[in-house]
Amino acid sequence: IILLEARIGGGVSIARVVGEIKSLKPHIHIILCVDFIANDDIIKAAEYGVDDIVRKPYNKTGLLRAIRNAWIQTV
């Protein structure tokens, strides 16, 4: 399970990062941590296989639920 910050910076596309991770390790579950949802790069990341999106500021219950759901999918 990877918790991935949506704002990587340096001109790096989050969609590209997700695509590369999934192409190398398709079984890896990625939870994307975002400030907002309406971003084309985040939508593309979801198309590449993000398993869940968690909005900031983090809600402890929501974050734990996303991690638990990803974990359940791995076993």
PDB file of N, CA and C in Angstrom:
ATOM      1  N   ILE A   1       0.851  -1.167   0.000  1.00  0.00           N
ATOM      2  CA  ILE A   1       0.000   0.000   0.000  1.00  0.00           C
ATOM      3  C   ILE A   1       0.898   1.231   0.000  1.00  0.00           C
ATOM      4  N   ILE A   2       0.610   2.156  -0.921  1.00  0.00           N
ATOM      5  CA  ILE A   2       1.354   3.406  -0.991  1.00  0.00           C
ATOM      6  C   ILE A   2       0.394   4.560  -0.739  1.00  0.00           C
ATOM      7  N   LEU A   3       0.739   5.437   0.201  1.00  0.00           N
ATOM      8  CA  LEU A   3       0.035   6.698   0.387  1.00  0.00           C
ATOM      9  C   LEU A   3       0.816   7.712  -0.433  1.00  0.00           C
ATOM     10  N   LEU A   4       0.192   8.255  -1.472  1.00  0.00           N
ATOM     11  CA  LEU A   4       0.897   9.114  -2.417  1.00  0.00           C
ATOM     12  C   LEU A   4       0.331  10.523  -2.372  1.00  0.00           C
ATOM     13  N   GLU A   5       1.197  11.481  -2.114  1.00  0.00           N
ATOM     14  CA  GLU A   5       0.819  12.892  -2.093  1.00  0.00           C
ATOM     15  C   GLU A   5       0.547  13.354  -3.522  1.00  0.00           C
ATOM     16  N   ALA A   6      -0.586  14.011  -3.737  1.00  0.00           N
ATOM     17  CA  ALA A   6      -0.961  14.436  -5.078  1.00  0.00           C
ATOM     18  C   ALA A   6      -0.086  15.571  -5.596  1.00  0.00           C
ATOM     19  N   ARG A   7       0.462  16.376  -4.723  1.00  0.00           N
ATOM     20  CA  ARG A   7       1.307  17.500  -5.147  1.00  0.00           C
ATOM     21  C   ARG A   7       2.778  17.126  -5.003  1.00  0.00           C
ATOM     22  N   ILE A   8       3.299  16.514  -6.036  1.00  0.00           N
ATOM     23  CA  ILE A   8       4.691  16.082  -6.002  1.00  0.00           C
ATOM     24  C   ILE A   8       5.615  17.264  -6.289  1.00  0.00           C
ATOM     25  N   GLY A   9       5.240  18.122  -7.227  1.00  0.00           N
ATOM     26  CA  GLY A   9       6.041  19.284  -7.581  1.00  0.00           C
ATOM     27  C   GLY A   9       7.124  18.957  -8.585  1.00  0.00           C
ATOM     28  N   GLY A  10       7.846  19.973  -8.983  1.00  0.00           N
ATOM     29  CA  GLY A  10       8.940  19.775  -9.927  1.00  0.00           C
ATOM     30  C   GLY A  10       8.485  19.376 -11.315  1.00  0.00           C
ATOM     31  N   GLY A  11       7.221  19.630 -11.630  1.00  0.00           N
ATOM     32  CA  GLY A  11       6.703  19.288 -12.947  1.00  0.00           C
ATOM     33  C   GLY A  11       6.420  17.810 -13.145  1.00  0.00           C
ATOM     34  N   VAL A  12       6.448  17.041 -12.068  1.00  0.00           N
ATOM     35  CA  VAL A  12       6.191  15.600 -12.151  1.00  0.00           C
ATOM     36  C   VAL A  12       4.687  15.362 -12.173  1.00  0.00           C
ATOM     37  N   SER A  13       4.231  14.591 -13.126  1.00  0.00           N
ATOM     38  CA  SER A  13       2.808  14.273 -13.264  1.00  0.00           C
ATOM     39  C   SER A  13       2.442  13.122 -12.330  1.00  0.00           C
ATOM     40  N   ILE A  14       1.449  13.355 -11.494  1.00  0.00           N
ATOM     41  CA  ILE A  14       0.998  12.303 -10.585  1.00  0.00           C
ATOM     42  C   ILE A  14       0.450  11.112 -11.379  1.00  0.00           C
ATOM     43  N   ALA A  15      -0.203  11.401 -12.497  1.00  0.00           N
ATOM     44  CA  ALA A  15      -0.733  10.321 -13.344  1.00  0.00           C
ATOM     45  C   ALA A  15       0.410   9.455 -13.877  1.00  0.00           C
ATOM     46  N   ARG A  16       1.502  10.101 -14.255  1.00  0.00           N
ATOM     47  CA  ARG A  16       2.664   9.344 -14.754  1.00  0.00           C
ATOM     48  C   ARG A  16       3.260   8.484 -13.646  1.00  0.00           C
ATOM     49  N   VAL A  17       3.391   9.043 -12.445  1.00  0.00           N
ATOM     50  CA  VAL A  17       3.940   8.285 -11.318  1.00  0.00           C
ATOM     51  C   VAL A  17       3.073   7.063 -11.033  1.00  0.00           C
ATOM     52  N   VAL A  18       1.756   7.264 -10.973  1.00  0.00           N
ATOM     53  CA  VAL A  18       0.838   6.147 -10.719  1.00  0.00           C
ATOM     54  C   VAL A  18       0.953   5.107 -11.830  1.00  0.00           C
ATOM     55  N   GLY A  19       0.983   5.560 -13.074  1.00  0.00           N
ATOM     56  CA  GLY A  19       1.109   4.638 -14.200  1.00  0.00           C
ATOM     57  C   GLY A  19       2.383   3.817 -14.147  1.00  0.00           C
ATOM     58  N   GLU A  20       3.492   4.456 -13.784  1.00  0.00           N
ATOM     59  CA  GLU A  20       4.766   3.742 -13.697  1.00  0.00           C
ATOM     60  C   GLU A  20       4.764   2.736 -12.548  1.00  0.00           C
ATOM     61  N   ILE A  21       4.219   3.141 -11.405  1.00  0.00           N
ATOM     62  CA  ILE A  21       4.144   2.211 -10.274  1.00  0.00           C
ATOM     63  C   ILE A  21       3.309   0.996 -10.653  1.00  0.00           C
ATOM     64  N   LYS A  22       2.138   1.237 -11.237  1.00  0.00           N
ATOM     65  CA  LYS A  22       1.241   0.136 -11.588  1.00  0.00           C
ATOM     66  C   LYS A  22       1.825  -0.744 -12.689  1.00  0.00           C
ATOM     67  N   SER A  23       2.612  -0.169 -13.606  1.00  0.00           N
ATOM     68  CA  SER A  23       3.200  -0.997 -14.661  1.00  0.00           C
ATOM     69  C   SER A  23       4.296  -1.908 -14.100  1.00  0.00           C
ATOM     70  N   LEU A  24       4.997  -1.419 -13.063  1.00  0.00           N
ATOM     71  CA  LEU A  24       6.050  -2.235 -12.440  1.00  0.00           C
ATOM     72  C   LEU A  24       5.499  -3.225 -11.415  1.00  0.00           C
ATOM     73  N   LYS A  25       4.538  -2.773 -10.654  1.00  0.00           N
ATOM     74  CA  LYS A  25       3.964  -3.590  -9.571  1.00  0.00           C
ATOM     75  C   LYS A  25       2.440  -3.445  -9.591  1.00  0.00           C
ATOM     76  N   PRO A  26       1.750  -4.133 -10.482  1.00  0.00           N
ATOM     77  CA  PRO A  26       0.303  -3.959 -10.608  1.00  0.00           C
ATOM     78  C   PRO A  26      -0.492  -4.328  -9.359  1.00  0.00           C
ATOM     79  N   HIS A  27       0.077  -5.122  -8.475  1.00  0.00           N
ATOM     80  CA  HIS A  27      -0.635  -5.533  -7.263  1.00  0.00           C
ATOM     81  C   HIS A  27      -0.572  -4.480  -6.153  1.00  0.00           C
ATOM     82  N   ILE A  28       0.282  -3.461  -6.319  1.00  0.00           N
ATOM     83  CA  ILE A  28       0.412  -2.397  -5.314  1.00  0.00           C
ATOM     84  C   ILE A  28      -0.870  -1.582  -5.280  1.00  0.00           C
ATOM     85  N   HIS A  29      -1.347  -1.275  -4.092  1.00  0.00           N
ATOM     86  CA  HIS A  29      -2.528  -0.424  -3.926  1.00  0.00           C
ATOM     87  C   HIS A  29      -2.060   0.992  -3.613  1.00  0.00           C
ATOM     88  N   ILE A  30      -2.633   1.965  -4.323  1.00  0.00           N
ATOM     89  CA  ILE A  30      -2.230   3.359  -4.159  1.00  0.00           C
ATOM     90  C   ILE A  30      -3.407   4.170  -3.645  1.00  0.00           C
ATOM     91  N   ILE A  31      -3.174   4.861  -2.538  1.00  0.00           N
ATOM     92  CA  ILE A  31      -4.156   5.787  -1.983  1.00  0.00           C
ATOM     93  C   ILE A  31      -3.606   7.184  -2.219  1.00  0.00           C
ATOM     94  N   LEU A  32      -4.340   7.987  -2.971  1.00  0.00           N
ATOM     95  CA  LEU A  32      -3.905   9.323  -3.335  1.00  0.00           C
ATOM     96  C   LEU A  32      -4.413  10.329  -2.314  1.00  0.00           C
ATOM     97  N   CYS A  33      -3.522  11.139  -1.774  1.00  0.00           N
ATOM     98  CA  CYS A  33      -3.857  12.152  -0.770  1.00  0.00           C
ATOM     99  C   CYS A  33      -3.915  13.511  -1.467  1.00  0.00           C
ATOM    100  N   VAL A  34      -5.087  14.152  -1.440  1.00  0.00           N
ATOM    101  CA  VAL A  34      -5.296  15.380  -2.218  1.00  0.00           C
ATOM    102  C   VAL A  34      -5.870  16.512  -1.374  1.00  0.00           C
ATOM    103  N   ASP A  35      -5.582  17.750  -1.825  1.00  0.00           N
ATOM    104  CA  ASP A  35      -6.192  18.939  -1.232  1.00  0.00           C
ATOM    105  C   ASP A  35      -7.562  19.192  -1.838  1.00  0.00           C
ATOM    106  N   PHE A  36      -7.704  18.855  -3.089  1.00  0.00           N
ATOM    107  CA  PHE A  36      -8.941  19.093  -3.828  1.00  0.00           C
ATOM    108  C   PHE A  36      -9.099  17.982  -4.859  1.00  0.00           C
ATOM    109  N   ILE A  37     -10.288  17.837  -5.399  1.00  0.00           N
ATOM    110  CA  ILE A  37     -10.556  16.746  -6.326  1.00  0.00           C
ATOM    111  C   ILE A  37     -10.553  17.186  -7.788  1.00  0.00           C
ATOM    112  N   ALA A  38     -11.034  18.377  -8.092  1.00  0.00           N
ATOM    113  CA  ALA A  38     -11.230  18.808  -9.481  1.00  0.00           C
ATOM    114  C   ALA A  38      -9.907  19.191 -10.142  1.00  0.00           C
ATOM    115  N   ASN A  39      -9.076  18.214 -10.431  1.00  0.00           N
ATOM    116  CA  ASN A  39      -7.794  18.439 -11.074  1.00  0.00           C
ATOM    117  C   ASN A  39      -7.619  17.366 -12.139  1.00  0.00           C
ATOM    118  N   ASP A  40      -7.314  17.779 -13.363  1.00  0.00           N
ATOM    119  CA  ASP A  40      -7.183  16.821 -14.467  1.00  0.00           C
ATOM    120  C   ASP A  40      -6.152  15.741 -14.192  1.00  0.00           C
ATOM    121  N   ASP A  41      -5.047  16.113 -13.543  1.00  0.00           N
ATOM    122  CA  ASP A  41      -3.995  15.141 -13.262  1.00  0.00           C
ATOM    123  C   ASP A  41      -4.486  14.075 -12.285  1.00  0.00           C
ATOM    124  N   ILE A  42      -5.305  14.476 -11.326  1.00  0.00           N
ATOM    125  CA  ILE A  42      -5.849  13.519 -10.359  1.00  0.00           C
ATOM    126  C   ILE A  42      -6.836  12.580 -11.049  1.00  0.00           C
ATOM    127  N   ILE A  43      -7.636  13.131 -11.953  1.00  0.00           N
ATOM    128  CA  ILE A  43      -8.576  12.302 -12.711  1.00  0.00           C
ATOM    129  C   ILE A  43      -7.808  11.288 -13.553  1.00  0.00           C
ATOM    130  N   LYS A  44      -6.728  11.717 -14.193  1.00  0.00           N
ATOM    131  CA  LYS A  44      -5.893  10.790 -14.975  1.00  0.00           C
ATOM    132  C   LYS A  44      -5.270   9.732 -14.072  1.00  0.00           C
ATOM    133  N   ALA A  45      -4.841  10.138 -12.880  1.00  0.00           N
ATOM    134  CA  ALA A  45      -4.256   9.178 -11.939  1.00  0.00           C
ATOM    135  C   ALA A  45      -5.275   8.102 -11.590  1.00  0.00           C
ATOM    136  N   ALA A  46      -6.517   8.509 -11.396  1.00  0.00           N
ATOM    137  CA  ALA A  46      -7.572   7.537 -11.095  1.00  0.00           C
ATOM    138  C   ALA A  46      -7.736   6.568 -12.262  1.00  0.00           C
ATOM    139  N   GLU A  47      -7.627   7.066 -13.476  1.00  0.00           N
ATOM    140  CA  GLU A  47      -7.735   6.205 -14.654  1.00  0.00           C
ATOM    141  C   GLU A  47      -6.580   5.204 -14.728  1.00  0.00           C
ATOM    142  N   TYR A  48      -5.416   5.579 -14.207  1.00  0.00           N
ATOM    143  CA  TYR A  48      -4.262   4.685 -14.210  1.00  0.00           C
ATOM    144  C   TYR A  48      -4.323   3.646 -13.096  1.00  0.00           C
ATOM    145  N   GLY A  49      -5.243   3.781 -12.164  1.00  0.00           N
ATOM    146  CA  GLY A  49      -5.391   2.728 -11.173  1.00  0.00           C
ATOM    147  C   GLY A  49      -5.238   3.108  -9.726  1.00  0.00           C
ATOM    148  N   VAL A  50      -5.466   4.370  -9.372  1.00  0.00           N
ATOM    149  CA  VAL A  50      -5.475   4.730  -7.956  1.00  0.00           C
ATOM    150  C   VAL A  50      -6.626   3.973  -7.296  1.00  0.00           C
ATOM    151  N   ASP A  51      -6.368   3.353  -6.169  1.00  0.00           N
ATOM    152  CA  ASP A  51      -7.384   2.547  -5.508  1.00  0.00           C
ATOM    153  C   ASP A  51      -8.349   3.366  -4.664  1.00  0.00           C
ATOM    154  N   ASP A  52      -7.869   4.493  -4.153  1.00  0.00           N
ATOM    155  CA  ASP A  52      -8.736   5.351  -3.343  1.00  0.00           C
ATOM    156  C   ASP A  52      -8.145   6.748  -3.311  1.00  0.00           C
ATOM    157  N   ILE A  53      -8.989   7.725  -2.994  1.00  0.00           N
ATOM    158  CA  ILE A  53      -8.559   9.113  -2.860  1.00  0.00           C
ATOM    159  C   ILE A  53      -9.008   9.595  -1.489  1.00  0.00           C
ATOM    160  N   VAL A  54      -8.062  10.169  -0.732  1.00  0.00           N
ATOM    161  CA  VAL A  54      -8.359  10.693   0.597  1.00  0.00           C
ATOM    162  C   VAL A  54      -8.108  12.193   0.563  1.00  0.00           C
ATOM    163  N   ARG A  55      -9.097  12.953   0.999  1.00  0.00           N
ATOM    164  CA  ARG A  55      -8.971  14.412   0.999  1.00  0.00           C
ATOM    165  C   ARG A  55      -8.307  14.911   2.273  1.00  0.00           C
ATOM    166  N   LYS A  56      -7.524  15.988   2.116  1.00  0.00           N
ATOM    167  CA  LYS A  56      -6.905  16.642   3.265  1.00  0.00           C
ATOM    168  C   LYS A  56      -7.764  17.839   3.651  1.00  0.00           C
ATOM    169  N   PRO A  57      -7.794  18.239   4.903  1.00  0.00           N
ATOM    170  CA  PRO A  57      -7.085  17.627   6.020  1.00  0.00           C
ATOM    171  C   PRO A  57      -7.664  16.248   6.309  1.00  0.00           C
ATOM    172  N   TYR A  58      -6.802  15.352   6.719  1.00  0.00           N
ATOM    173  CA  TYR A  58      -7.194  13.971   6.903  1.00  0.00           C
ATOM    174  C   TYR A  58      -8.191  13.796   8.032  1.00  0.00           C
ATOM    175  N   ASN A  59      -9.165  12.991   7.736  1.00  0.00           N
ATOM    176  CA  ASN A  59     -10.100  12.505   8.733  1.00  0.00           C
ATOM    177  C   ASN A  59      -9.567  11.134   9.118  1.00  0.00           C
ATOM    178  N   LYS A  60      -9.208  10.946  10.371  1.00  0.00           N
ATOM    179  CA  LYS A  60      -8.588   9.698  10.818  1.00  0.00           C
ATOM    180  C   LYS A  60      -9.414   8.484  10.407  1.00  0.00           C
ATOM    181  N   THR A  61     -10.705   8.550  10.583  1.00  0.00           N
ATOM    182  CA  THR A  61     -11.572   7.421  10.248  1.00  0.00           C
ATOM    183  C   THR A  61     -11.536   7.136   8.748  1.00  0.00           C
ATOM    184  N   GLY A  62     -11.602   8.176   7.928  1.00  0.00           N
ATOM    185  CA  GLY A  62     -11.586   7.996   6.475  1.00  0.00           C
ATOM    186  C   GLY A  62     -10.268   7.435   5.977  1.00  0.00           C
ATOM    187  N   LEU A  63      -9.162   7.938   6.536  1.00  0.00           N
ATOM    188  CA  LEU A  63      -7.852   7.453   6.133  1.00  0.00           C
ATOM    189  C   LEU A  63      -7.666   5.990   6.530  1.00  0.00           C
ATOM    190  N   LEU A  64      -8.041   5.651   7.748  1.00  0.00           N
ATOM    191  CA  LEU A  64      -7.932   4.251   8.201  1.00  0.00           C
ATOM    192  C   LEU A  64      -8.833   3.327   7.384  1.00  0.00           C
ATOM    193  N   ARG A  65     -10.009   3.810   7.001  1.00  0.00           N
ATOM    194  CA  ARG A  65     -10.919   3.004   6.180  1.00  0.00           C
ATOM    195  C   ARG A  65     -10.287   2.723   4.819  1.00  0.00           C
ATOM    196  N   ALA A  66      -9.676   3.727   4.214  1.00  0.00           N
ATOM    197  CA  ALA A  66      -9.032   3.549   2.908  1.00  0.00           C
ATOM    198  C   ALA A  66      -7.887   2.547   3.003  1.00  0.00           C
ATOM    199  N   ILE A  67      -7.076   2.653   4.061  1.00  0.00           N
ATOM    200  CA  ILE A  67      -5.963   1.716   4.247  1.00  0.00           C
ATOM    201  C   ILE A  67      -6.484   0.307   4.492  1.00  0.00           C
ATOM    202  N   ARG A  68      -7.503   0.180   5.343  1.00  0.00           N
ATOM    203  CA  ARG A  68      -8.080  -1.143   5.630  1.00  0.00           C
ATOM    204  C   ARG A  68      -8.647  -1.772   4.357  1.00  0.00           C
ATOM    205  N   ASN A  69      -9.374  -0.990   3.552  1.00  0.00           N
ATOM    206  CA  ASN A  69      -9.946  -1.525   2.319  1.00  0.00           C
ATOM    207  C   ASN A  69      -8.864  -1.984   1.350  1.00  0.00           C
ATOM    208  N   ALA A  70      -7.787  -1.217   1.246  1.00  0.00           N
ATOM    209  CA  ALA A  70      -6.674  -1.617   0.379  1.00  0.00           C
ATOM    210  C   ALA A  70      -6.013  -2.877   0.922  1.00  0.00           C
ATOM    211  N   TRP A  71      -5.850  -2.957   2.232  1.00  0.00           N
ATOM    212  CA  TRP A  71      -5.232  -4.135   2.851  1.00  0.00           C
ATOM    213  C   TRP A  71      -6.075  -5.377   2.604  1.00  0.00           C
ATOM    214  N   ILE A  72      -7.374  -5.256   2.759  1.00  0.00           N
ATOM    215  CA  ILE A  72      -8.273  -6.397   2.533  1.00  0.00           C
ATOM    216  C   ILE A  72      -8.136  -6.919   1.110  1.00  0.00           C
ATOM    217  N   GLN A  73      -7.931  -6.023   0.164  1.00  0.00           N
ATOM    218  CA  GLN A  73      -7.786  -6.427  -1.232  1.00  0.00           C
ATOM    219  C   GLN A  73      -6.468  -7.170  -1.495  1.00  0.00           C
ATOM    220  N   THR A  74      -5.490  -7.006  -0.600  1.00  0.00           N
ATOM    221  CA  THR A  74      -4.186  -7.641  -0.806  1.00  0.00           C
ATOM    222  C   THR A  74      -4.142  -9.067  -0.267  1.00  0.00           C
ATOM    223  N   VAL A  75      -5.024  -9.380   0.672  1.00  0.00           N
ATOM    224  CA  VAL A  75      -4.972 -10.726   1.264  1.00  0.00           C
ATOM    225  C   VAL A  75      -6.002 -11.651   0.679  1.00  0.00           C
TER     226      VAL A  75
END
